[in-house]
């Protein structure tokens, strides 16, 4: 793959990841409405996303697509976990 194709792939993957993590909003709404879900999966997602954000930001040449794609997972995963308790 050339550099332009890799950049396009990174953009599409970032958008897909953000969509995946924003889907937690519906679970948060259900949790707050009294239909509690299991907190384990969103907690694991939040931990995983935290590790990827740190990785992306700590590289010598920052990996912004990785950091941006996983940032919503940190916040929304934690909110989902907390509201499901």
N, C-alpha and C. Protein backbone atom coordinates (compact mmCIF):
# COMPACT_ATOMS: atom_id res chain seq x y z
N UNK A 1 0.84 -1.19 0.00
CA UNK A 1 0.00 0.00 0.00
C UNK A 1 0.88 1.24 0.00
N UNK A 2 0.44 2.23 -0.74
CA UNK A 2 1.20 3.48 -0.71
C UNK A 2 0.70 4.36 0.44
N UNK A 3 1.37 5.47 0.66
CA UNK A 3 1.08 6.34 1.80
C UNK A 3 -0.34 6.90 1.76
N UNK A 4 -0.83 7.25 0.57
CA UNK A 4 -2.19 7.78 0.45
C UNK A 4 -3.22 6.73 0.82
N UNK A 5 -3.03 5.50 0.38
CA UNK A 5 -3.96 4.41 0.71
C UNK A 5 -3.95 4.13 2.21
N UNK A 6 -2.80 4.18 2.82
CA UNK A 6 -2.69 3.96 4.26
C UNK A 6 -3.41 5.06 5.02
N UNK A 7 -3.28 6.30 4.57
CA UNK A 7 -3.97 7.41 5.21
C UNK A 7 -5.49 7.26 5.10
N UNK A 8 -5.96 6.83 3.94
CA UNK A 8 -7.40 6.59 3.74
C UNK A 8 -7.88 5.47 4.65
N UNK A 9 -7.11 4.38 4.71
CA UNK A 9 -7.45 3.26 5.59
C UNK A 9 -7.50 3.71 7.05
N UNK A 10 -6.53 4.52 7.47
CA UNK A 10 -6.50 5.02 8.85
C UNK A 10 -7.74 5.87 9.14
N UNK A 11 -8.14 6.69 8.19
CA UNK A 11 -9.32 7.55 8.38
C UNK A 11 -10.59 6.71 8.49
N UNK A 12 -10.75 5.75 7.60
CA UNK A 12 -11.94 4.88 7.63
C UNK A 12 -11.96 4.06 8.92
N UNK A 13 -10.82 3.52 9.32
CA UNK A 13 -10.75 2.73 10.55
C UNK A 13 -11.05 3.59 11.78
N UNK A 14 -10.58 4.82 11.78
CA UNK A 14 -10.85 5.73 12.89
C UNK A 14 -12.34 6.01 13.00
N UNK A 15 -12.98 6.29 11.88
CA UNK A 15 -14.42 6.56 11.88
C UNK A 15 -15.19 5.32 12.35
N UNK A 16 -14.81 4.14 11.87
CA UNK A 16 -15.48 2.90 12.27
C UNK A 16 -15.33 2.67 13.77
N UNK A 17 -14.16 2.93 14.30
CA UNK A 17 -13.92 2.73 15.73
C UNK A 17 -14.76 3.70 16.56
N UNK A 18 -14.81 4.95 16.14
CA UNK A 18 -15.61 5.93 16.87
C UNK A 18 -17.08 5.52 16.85
N UNK A 19 -17.57 5.05 15.70
CA UNK A 19 -18.97 4.57 15.62
C UNK A 19 -19.20 3.41 16.58
N UNK A 20 -18.25 2.51 16.65
CA UNK A 20 -18.40 1.35 17.52
C UNK A 20 -18.51 1.80 18.99
N UNK A 21 -17.65 2.72 19.41
CA UNK A 21 -17.67 3.12 20.81
C UNK A 21 -18.84 4.05 21.13
N UNK A 22 -19.30 4.86 20.17
CA UNK A 22 -20.45 5.70 20.46
C UNK A 22 -21.73 4.88 20.56
N UNK A 23 -21.70 3.65 20.09
CA UNK A 23 -22.87 2.78 20.26
C UNK A 23 -23.12 2.48 21.73
N UNK A 24 -22.14 2.72 22.59
CA UNK A 24 -22.33 2.56 24.03
C UNK A 24 -23.38 3.53 24.56
N UNK A 25 -23.61 4.62 23.85
CA UNK A 25 -24.59 5.60 24.31
C UNK A 25 -25.96 4.94 24.51
N UNK A 26 -26.33 4.03 23.62
CA UNK A 26 -27.62 3.34 23.74
C UNK A 26 -27.65 2.44 24.97
N UNK A 27 -26.53 1.81 25.29
CA UNK A 27 -26.47 0.98 26.50
C UNK A 27 -26.52 1.85 27.75
N UNK A 28 -25.88 3.00 27.69
CA UNK A 28 -25.93 3.93 28.83
C UNK A 28 -27.37 4.36 29.07
N UNK A 29 -28.09 4.69 27.99
CA UNK A 29 -29.50 5.08 28.12
C UNK A 29 -30.32 3.94 28.74
N UNK A 30 -30.09 2.72 28.29
CA UNK A 30 -30.81 1.56 28.84
C UNK A 30 -30.46 1.37 30.31
N UNK A 31 -29.19 1.51 30.66
CA UNK A 31 -28.77 1.38 32.05
C UNK A 31 -29.49 2.39 32.93
N UNK A 32 -29.54 3.63 32.45
CA UNK A 32 -30.17 4.69 33.24
C UNK A 32 -31.68 4.51 33.33
N UNK A 33 -32.26 3.80 32.37
CA UNK A 33 -33.70 3.51 32.39
C UNK A 33 -34.02 2.29 33.25
N UNK A 34 -33.01 1.68 33.85
CA UNK A 34 -33.23 0.54 34.74
C UNK A 34 -32.99 -0.81 34.11
N UNK A 35 -32.59 -0.86 32.85
CA UNK A 35 -32.30 -2.13 32.16
C UNK A 35 -30.78 -2.33 32.17
N UNK A 36 -30.27 -2.70 33.31
CA UNK A 36 -28.82 -2.78 33.52
C UNK A 36 -28.18 -3.87 32.66
N UNK A 37 -27.03 -3.53 32.09
CA UNK A 37 -26.23 -4.49 31.33
C UNK A 37 -25.08 -4.98 32.18
N UNK A 38 -24.28 -5.85 31.62
CA UNK A 38 -23.11 -6.38 32.31
C UNK A 38 -21.97 -5.36 32.23
N UNK A 39 -21.32 -5.02 33.35
CA UNK A 39 -20.27 -4.01 33.33
C UNK A 39 -18.91 -4.50 32.85
N UNK A 40 -18.71 -5.81 32.72
CA UNK A 40 -17.39 -6.34 32.42
C UNK A 40 -16.89 -5.94 31.03
N UNK A 41 -17.72 -6.12 30.01
CA UNK A 41 -17.27 -5.82 28.64
C UNK A 41 -16.90 -4.35 28.47
N UNK A 42 -17.76 -3.40 28.89
CA UNK A 42 -17.35 -2.00 28.73
C UNK A 42 -16.14 -1.62 29.57
N UNK A 43 -15.97 -2.24 30.74
CA UNK A 43 -14.77 -1.98 31.54
C UNK A 43 -13.53 -2.47 30.81
N UNK A 44 -13.59 -3.67 30.26
CA UNK A 44 -12.46 -4.20 29.49
C UNK A 44 -12.17 -3.34 28.27
N UNK A 45 -13.22 -2.86 27.61
CA UNK A 45 -13.03 -1.98 26.45
C UNK A 45 -12.35 -0.68 26.88
N UNK A 46 -12.76 -0.12 28.01
CA UNK A 46 -12.16 1.12 28.49
C UNK A 46 -10.68 0.92 28.82
N UNK A 47 -10.33 -0.19 29.44
CA UNK A 47 -8.92 -0.48 29.75
C UNK A 47 -8.13 -0.66 28.46
N UNK A 48 -8.67 -1.43 27.53
CA UNK A 48 -8.01 -1.65 26.25
C UNK A 48 -7.80 -0.33 25.51
N UNK A 49 -8.83 0.49 25.47
CA UNK A 49 -8.73 1.77 24.77
C UNK A 49 -7.72 2.70 25.44
N UNK A 50 -7.68 2.68 26.76
CA UNK A 50 -6.70 3.49 27.48
C UNK A 50 -5.29 3.10 27.07
N UNK A 51 -5.03 1.80 27.00
CA UNK A 51 -3.70 1.33 26.59
C UNK A 51 -3.37 1.78 25.18
N UNK A 52 -4.33 1.72 24.26
CA UNK A 52 -4.09 2.14 22.88
C UNK A 52 -3.89 3.64 22.77
N UNK A 53 -4.63 4.43 23.55
CA UNK A 53 -4.45 5.88 23.53
C UNK A 53 -3.05 6.23 24.03
N UNK A 54 -2.65 5.62 25.12
CA UNK A 54 -1.30 5.87 25.67
C UNK A 54 -0.24 5.46 24.64
N UNK A 55 -0.42 4.31 24.04
CA UNK A 55 0.52 3.85 23.00
C UNK A 55 0.61 4.87 21.87
N UNK A 56 -0.54 5.30 21.36
CA UNK A 56 -0.55 6.24 20.24
C UNK A 56 0.10 7.56 20.56
N UNK A 57 -0.06 8.03 21.80
CA UNK A 57 0.49 9.32 22.19
C UNK A 57 1.94 9.25 22.65
N UNK A 58 2.38 8.08 23.07
CA UNK A 58 3.74 7.96 23.61
C UNK A 58 4.78 7.56 22.56
N UNK A 59 4.34 7.19 21.37
CA UNK A 59 5.30 6.88 20.32
C UNK A 59 6.08 8.13 19.96
N UNK A 60 7.31 7.95 19.52
CA UNK A 60 8.13 9.10 19.14
C UNK A 60 7.41 9.91 18.05
N UNK A 61 6.91 9.21 17.04
CA UNK A 61 6.08 9.86 16.03
C UNK A 61 4.64 9.48 16.38
N UNK A 62 3.92 10.39 17.01
CA UNK A 62 2.58 10.08 17.53
C UNK A 62 1.69 9.44 16.47
N UNK A 63 0.90 8.48 16.91
CA UNK A 63 -0.04 7.78 16.03
C UNK A 63 -1.43 8.31 16.34
N UNK A 64 -1.77 9.44 15.72
CA UNK A 64 -3.03 10.12 16.00
C UNK A 64 -4.25 9.28 15.67
N UNK A 65 -4.29 8.56 14.54
CA UNK A 65 -5.48 7.76 14.28
C UNK A 65 -5.78 6.74 15.40
N UNK A 66 -4.74 6.12 15.93
CA UNK A 66 -4.93 5.16 17.03
C UNK A 66 -5.46 5.87 18.27
N UNK A 67 -4.86 7.00 18.62
CA UNK A 67 -5.28 7.73 19.82
C UNK A 67 -6.71 8.27 19.67
N UNK A 68 -7.01 8.86 18.54
CA UNK A 68 -8.34 9.44 18.32
C UNK A 68 -9.41 8.35 18.27
N UNK A 69 -9.10 7.26 17.58
CA UNK A 69 -10.08 6.18 17.42
C UNK A 69 -10.45 5.54 18.75
N UNK A 70 -9.54 5.51 19.69
CA UNK A 70 -9.79 4.83 20.96
C UNK A 70 -10.22 5.76 22.09
N UNK A 71 -10.10 7.06 21.92
CA UNK A 71 -10.49 8.00 22.97
C UNK A 71 -11.95 7.88 23.39
N UNK A 72 -12.91 7.78 22.45
CA UNK A 72 -14.30 7.62 22.90
C UNK A 72 -14.52 6.34 23.71
N UNK A 73 -13.76 5.30 23.41
CA UNK A 73 -13.90 4.04 24.13
C UNK A 73 -13.52 4.15 25.58
N UNK A 74 -12.56 5.02 25.89
CA UNK A 74 -12.15 5.22 27.28
C UNK A 74 -13.31 5.84 28.06
N UNK A 75 -13.81 6.95 27.56
CA UNK A 75 -14.85 7.69 28.26
C UNK A 75 -16.17 6.92 28.28
N UNK A 76 -16.62 6.49 27.11
CA UNK A 76 -17.93 5.84 27.03
C UNK A 76 -17.92 4.45 27.66
N UNK A 77 -16.79 3.76 27.59
CA UNK A 77 -16.68 2.46 28.25
C UNK A 77 -16.81 2.60 29.76
N UNK A 78 -16.13 3.62 30.32
CA UNK A 78 -16.22 3.85 31.76
C UNK A 78 -17.62 4.27 32.18
N UNK A 79 -18.24 5.16 31.40
CA UNK A 79 -19.61 5.59 31.72
C UNK A 79 -20.57 4.40 31.66
N UNK A 80 -20.42 3.58 30.63
CA UNK A 80 -21.29 2.41 30.49
C UNK A 80 -21.10 1.47 31.67
N UNK A 81 -19.86 1.23 32.04
CA UNK A 81 -19.57 0.34 33.17
C UNK A 81 -20.20 0.89 34.46
N UNK A 82 -19.99 2.16 34.73
CA UNK A 82 -20.49 2.77 35.96
C UNK A 82 -22.01 2.76 36.02
N UNK A 83 -22.65 3.09 34.88
CA UNK A 83 -24.12 3.14 34.90
C UNK A 83 -24.75 1.76 34.94
N UNK A 84 -23.97 0.72 34.64
CA UNK A 84 -24.54 -0.63 34.68
C UNK A 84 -24.45 -1.25 36.08
N UNK A 85 -23.81 -0.59 36.99
CA UNK A 85 -23.67 -1.12 38.36
C UNK A 85 -24.91 -0.84 39.19
